[in-house]
Each structure stands twice: as structure tokens, then as C-alpha cells.
Protein backbone atom coordinates (compact mmCIF):
# COMPACT_ATOMS: atom_id res chain seq x y z
CA MET A 1 -75.55 -15.51 -1.47
CA ASP A 2 -76.53 -14.99 2.16
CA LYS A 3 -79.66 -12.98 2.81
CA TYR A 4 -80.57 -10.64 5.67
CA GLY A 5 -83.57 -8.43 6.08
CA LEU A 6 -85.84 -6.12 8.02
CA VAL A 7 -89.28 -7.16 9.25
CA GLY A 8 -91.74 -4.33 9.85
CA ARG A 9 -94.65 -2.36 8.43
CA HIS A 10 -94.37 0.62 6.06
CA ILE A 11 -90.57 0.42 6.04
CA ASP A 12 -89.61 1.79 2.62
CA TYR A 13 -87.91 4.69 4.44
CA SER A 14 -85.80 2.33 6.54
CA PHE A 15 -82.16 3.00 7.33
CA SER A 16 -81.18 -0.68 7.58
CA ARG A 17 -81.40 -1.80 3.95
CA GLY A 18 -79.14 0.98 2.67
CA TYR A 19 -76.76 0.69 5.61
CA PHE A 20 -76.15 -3.05 5.31
CA ASN A 21 -76.04 -3.23 1.50
CA LYS A 22 -73.42 -0.45 1.54
CA LYS A 23 -71.51 -2.38 4.21
CA PHE A 24 -71.62 -5.54 2.05
CA GLU A 25 -70.41 -3.61 -1.01
CA VAL A 26 -67.54 -1.82 0.73
CA ASN A 27 -66.32 -5.00 2.47
CA THR A 28 -66.89 -7.29 -0.56
CA ILE A 29 -69.32 -9.48 1.39
CA SER A 30 -71.44 -11.83 -0.69
CA ALA A 31 -74.80 -10.97 0.87
CA GLU A 32 -77.91 -8.88 0.34
CA TYR A 33 -80.31 -7.10 2.70
CA VAL A 34 -83.99 -6.73 1.83
CA ASN A 35 -87.15 -5.32 3.39
CA PHE A 36 -89.99 -7.62 4.42
CA ASP A 37 -92.92 -5.23 4.68
CA LEU A 38 -95.69 -7.16 6.41
CA SER A 39 -99.32 -6.06 6.80
CA THR A 40 -99.70 -8.46 9.76
CA ILE A 41 -97.32 -10.65 11.73
CA SER A 42 -99.03 -13.76 10.32
CA GLU A 43 -97.19 -13.04 7.04
CA PHE A 44 -93.88 -13.72 8.79
CA LYS A 45 -94.18 -17.45 8.05
CA ALA A 46 -93.66 -16.74 4.35
CA VAL A 47 -90.45 -14.85 5.14
CA LEU A 48 -88.96 -18.00 6.60
CA ASN A 49 -89.22 -19.70 3.18
CA GLU A 50 -86.55 -17.36 1.82
CA LYS A 51 -83.39 -19.22 0.78
CA ASN A 52 -80.07 -18.59 2.57
CA LEU A 53 -81.71 -16.40 5.22
CA LYS A 54 -79.15 -15.83 7.98
CA GLY A 55 -80.50 -12.99 10.09
CA LEU A 56 -83.26 -10.43 10.51
CA ASN A 57 -83.86 -7.10 12.14
CA VAL A 58 -87.33 -6.35 13.50
CA THR A 59 -88.92 -2.92 13.76
CA ILE A 60 -92.27 -1.29 14.54
CA PRO A 61 -94.79 -2.76 15.16
CA TYR A 62 -93.51 -6.35 15.50
CA LYS A 63 -90.79 -6.31 18.17
CA THR A 64 -93.09 -8.01 20.67
CA GLU A 65 -95.38 -9.88 18.28
CA ILE A 66 -92.40 -11.69 16.73
CA ILE A 67 -91.48 -13.52 19.95
CA PRO A 68 -93.90 -16.52 19.61
CA PHE A 69 -92.18 -17.43 16.32
CA LEU A 70 -88.78 -17.83 18.01
CA VAL A 71 -87.29 -21.05 19.32
CA GLU A 72 -85.07 -19.24 21.80
CA VAL A 73 -84.85 -15.71 23.24
CA GLU A 74 -81.64 -14.38 24.79
CA GLU A 75 -82.01 -13.47 28.47
CA GLU A 76 -81.79 -9.70 28.12
CA ALA A 77 -84.32 -9.66 25.27
CA LYS A 78 -86.59 -11.87 27.35
CA ALA A 79 -86.33 -9.43 30.28
CA ILE A 80 -87.08 -6.49 27.97
CA GLY A 81 -90.00 -8.26 26.32
CA ALA A 82 -88.97 -7.15 22.83
CA VAL A 83 -86.74 -8.53 20.06
CA ASN A 84 -85.15 -6.48 17.28
CA THR A 85 -82.55 -8.97 16.01
CA ILE A 86 -82.95 -12.60 14.97
CA LYS A 87 -80.14 -15.02 14.23
CA ILE A 88 -81.03 -18.08 12.16
CA VAL A 89 -78.95 -21.20 12.74
CA ASN A 90 -79.99 -24.39 10.91
CA GLY A 91 -83.54 -23.10 10.72
CA LYS A 92 -83.59 -22.24 14.43
CA LEU A 93 -84.66 -18.66 15.21
CA ILE A 94 -82.90 -17.01 18.17
CA GLY A 95 -84.03 -13.57 19.36
CA TYR A 96 -81.87 -10.74 20.71
CA ASN A 97 -82.25 -7.06 21.53
CA THR A 98 -79.53 -4.68 20.36
CA ASP A 99 -81.65 -1.55 20.83
CA VAL A 100 -80.60 -1.28 24.48
CA TYR A 101 -76.92 -1.30 23.56
CA GLY A 102 -77.46 1.29 20.82
CA PHE A 103 -79.50 3.55 23.07
CA VAL A 104 -77.23 3.41 26.12
CA GLN A 105 -74.04 4.00 24.15
CA SER A 106 -75.56 6.89 22.17
CA ILE A 107 -77.12 8.77 25.09
CA LYS A 108 -74.25 8.34 27.58
CA PRO A 109 -72.09 11.16 26.13
CA LEU A 110 -75.07 13.54 26.29
CA LEU A 111 -76.01 13.03 29.93
CA LYS A 112 -75.31 15.72 32.52
CA SER A 113 -75.53 15.56 36.30
CA HIS A 114 -79.04 17.05 36.40
CA HIS A 115 -80.45 14.42 34.01
CA GLN A 116 -82.04 12.27 36.72
CA ASN A 117 -85.56 11.51 35.46
CA ALA A 118 -87.06 10.72 32.07
CA LEU A 119 -90.38 10.67 30.27
CA VAL A 120 -90.61 7.82 27.76
CA LEU A 121 -93.24 8.55 25.12
CA GLY A 122 -94.91 5.34 23.94
CA SER A 123 -95.25 1.84 25.35
CA GLY A 124 -94.38 -0.44 22.42
CA GLY A 125 -91.37 -2.65 21.77
CA ALA A 126 -88.95 0.24 21.29
CA SER A 127 -90.14 1.79 24.55
CA LYS A 128 -89.48 -1.45 26.41
CA ALA A 129 -85.84 -1.42 25.30
CA ILE A 130 -85.41 2.25 26.20
CA CYS A 131 -86.86 1.67 29.68
CA PHE A 132 -84.47 -1.23 30.21
CA GLY A 133 -81.57 0.99 29.12
CA LEU A 134 -82.62 3.77 31.49
CA LYS A 135 -82.64 1.27 34.36
CA THR A 136 -79.07 0.25 33.57
CA LEU A 137 -78.11 3.94 33.61
CA GLY A 138 -79.81 4.47 36.97
CA ILE A 139 -82.30 6.97 35.55
CA ASP A 140 -85.86 6.93 36.88
CA PHE A 141 -88.65 7.21 34.30
CA LYS A 142 -92.35 7.38 33.59
CA VAL A 143 -93.91 5.88 30.46
CA VAL A 144 -96.37 8.21 28.75
CA THR A 145 -99.25 6.49 26.96
CA ARG A 146 -102.76 7.35 25.87
CA THR A 147 -104.18 4.56 28.04
CA PRO A 148 -102.06 4.24 31.21
CA SER A 149 -102.74 1.03 33.09
CA GLN A 150 -99.66 0.53 35.26
CA LYS A 151 -98.07 2.38 38.16
CA HIS A 152 -95.08 3.61 36.15
CA GLN A 153 -97.32 4.97 33.36
CA MET A 154 -99.06 8.32 32.93
CA SER A 155 -101.23 9.98 30.28
CA TYR A 156 -100.24 12.80 27.94
CA LEU A 157 -102.97 14.92 29.52
CA ALA A 158 -101.21 14.66 32.90
CA ILE A 159 -98.03 16.33 31.62
CA ASN A 160 -97.84 19.89 32.92
CA GLU A 161 -95.12 22.38 33.87
CA LYS A 162 -94.38 20.61 37.16
CA VAL A 163 -94.00 17.21 35.46
CA LEU A 164 -91.61 18.67 32.89
CA GLN A 165 -89.55 20.39 35.58
CA GLU A 166 -89.18 17.03 37.34
CA HIS A 167 -88.25 15.10 34.16
CA GLN A 168 -85.23 16.50 32.34
CA ILE A 169 -85.04 13.81 29.61
CA ILE A 170 -87.85 13.21 27.11
CA ILE A 171 -87.53 10.28 24.72
CA ASN A 172 -89.90 9.79 21.81
CA CYS A 173 -90.37 6.07 21.19
CA THR A 174 -93.43 6.53 18.97
CA PRO A 175 -93.43 6.82 15.17
CA ILE A 176 -95.01 10.29 15.44
CA GLY A 177 -93.20 12.71 13.14
CA THR A 178 -91.78 10.04 10.82
CA PHE A 179 -91.73 10.78 7.09
CA PRO A 180 -94.09 11.57 5.39
CA ASN A 181 -96.01 12.96 8.42
CA VAL A 182 -93.19 15.31 9.31
CA GLU A 183 -95.37 18.06 10.77
CA ASP A 184 -96.69 15.79 13.53
CA ALA A 185 -95.26 15.85 17.06
CA PRO A 186 -96.17 14.30 20.42
CA GLU A 187 -98.73 16.36 22.33
CA LEU A 188 -96.69 18.14 25.00
CA PRO A 189 -96.70 21.63 26.58
CA TYR A 190 -93.42 22.53 24.84
CA GLU A 191 -93.53 26.08 26.24
CA HIS A 192 -92.42 24.69 29.63
CA LEU A 193 -89.21 23.13 28.26
CA ASN A 194 -85.84 24.81 28.78
CA SER A 195 -82.08 24.35 28.46
CA ASN A 196 -82.08 21.73 31.24
CA HIS A 197 -83.97 19.32 29.00
CA LEU A 198 -82.55 16.68 26.69
CA LEU A 199 -84.92 15.60 23.90
CA TYR A 200 -84.09 12.28 22.26
CA ASP A 201 -86.12 11.10 19.27
CA LEU A 202 -85.82 7.53 18.02
CA VAL A 203 -87.14 8.82 14.69
CA TYR A 204 -84.31 9.62 12.25
CA ASN A 205 -86.25 10.43 9.08
CA PRO A 206 -86.52 13.41 8.94
CA GLU A 207 -83.17 14.20 10.55
CA GLU A 208 -84.80 16.86 12.71
CA THR A 209 -88.40 16.08 13.63
CA THR A 210 -90.97 18.66 14.70
CA PHE A 211 -90.56 17.26 18.23
CA LEU A 212 -86.85 18.15 18.16
CA LYS A 213 -87.46 21.52 16.49
CA LYS A 214 -89.95 22.52 19.18
CA GLY A 215 -87.43 21.51 21.84
CA LYS A 216 -84.57 23.36 20.17
CA ASN A 217 -86.73 26.51 20.04
CA GLN A 218 -86.95 26.29 23.84
CA GLY A 219 -83.18 25.90 24.22
CA CYS A 220 -83.20 22.13 24.76
CA GLN A 221 -80.35 19.79 23.90
CA THR A 222 -81.63 17.52 21.09
CA THR A 223 -80.61 14.39 19.22
CA ASN A 224 -82.23 11.93 16.83
CA GLY A 225 -81.96 8.14 16.68
CA TYR A 226 -79.37 7.82 13.91
CA GLN A 227 -76.39 7.08 16.15
CA MET A 228 -78.45 4.52 18.08
CA LEU A 229 -79.39 2.87 14.79
CA LYS A 230 -75.78 2.55 13.65
CA LEU A 231 -74.68 1.12 16.98
CA GLN A 232 -77.52 -1.42 17.19
CA ALA A 233 -76.93 -2.44 13.56
CA GLU A 234 -73.25 -3.16 14.19
CA LYS A 235 -74.15 -5.14 17.31
CA ALA A 236 -76.64 -7.16 15.22
CA TRP A 237 -73.89 -7.87 12.68
CA GLU A 238 -71.66 -9.14 15.50
CA ILE A 239 -74.42 -11.48 16.65
CA TRP A 240 -75.08 -12.83 13.16
CA ASN A 241 -71.38 -13.56 12.68
CA ALA A 242 -70.51 -14.81 16.15
């Protein structure tokens, strides 16, 4: 039986295991999908000893740290600097990024003419993919991080009414608000948000995070990361079976 899996940390809640095992059952595919919950990336070597391992997904916090273990990285993933999908061919690990595809295809139907600038909350592997996707969509952005060190970055403390008026899309790429810490939300002056804003949260458990609730209370358009997850998962399946 072929084996696939998810590499990450604290991933019991993960969408992927249930999604793929249901897919295998419905389509009578002889395969299983398991979670590889790693305390540190050094534990990844043990994962590679699994028999019949054909492909992996990678999630927080290892999308960048996983790259040194790969023999080859597809050009787009290399440009992004993050990998969320690995295909294994004769023991050779090849890295891809399907997050960009999932993000772009899921946000496109939501965009309106005034959605010209975005704030990307977080600077990890997921953020890298989102920034790449925004570039392909022609949307300017600033990355919000606690320790800004680059020109395109800014701190949470710098976000005020003027900044929010100038950035009509806000994308949460951090794990803040994920189950079980569902009361948490990124530190923003939510009172300055309005119906011109689109709030997109990569978190999907809970279905509506506190970040999205606060936005909805201000009249914002909101969406979680579930559609992105489904799209990136199907793209990963295509890659594994190409």
C-alpha cells in the first residue's frame, strides 16, 4: 500500500489526513495518509525510512526548513523559498509549492477593483507563498512582522488608520487563532476596518476565527483558508501522480 503524509508540528487538527483518506476510500485507491508530527526538523530523517512513501505535504513550521533535505526544488518553489509538497521518486525528494495555486485560485473570485494593496501578516513559509501569489495578481503588499528587517516589511505597531485605509486586503499567514487558542487574533486596530476590506485567514480550524469575526463586525468581506487547502491538496495529488 502506498503511503503519503503530512510533515509539521502539532498537526492533530490537520485537514489533510482526513481529506486524503476520504479521497482514497471513495475512489478505491490502495493508499493511506498519515501525520508525521515532528518536534524538530532533524526528526525528518526517520520519516524517510517509512516503506512505500510516495509523497508528502509540509506545513508550519517546516516549509523552509525542509528544503536542505531535498535533491531538487521546482523553479517556482525555489523562487518562493518555501516547499509544501514533496514527490518521492526512487528515493529522490523533489520539492514543489502548491500553496500559491490554491491561494490565487481561491482569492480571485473575491477581488474587487478597489483591492489594490495588501497587508500580509507573518513572514514564514506560508507568507512567502502568499506574497508570490499577490505578485502574480499584480497586488502590492507589505509584510507585517514583529521584527521587520526588510524594506517591504513593517511592524504591527506601525499599523494605524491610515495604513488600513491604504491596504484593503489583510491576509493572516500566522497560526494565531488556530484551535485550541480560538480567542486569539492578530493585534490590529480593527475599529478602522470597513466594508472595503477583504480579510483572508489561512487558518481554517475554527471555521471562523476571531480575526474574521472582528472583521465581519466591521462590515468586512471575510473568508478562511479551507478552499485554498482543497485546491492545493488536489494540485499536490496531480504532482504525485504525474
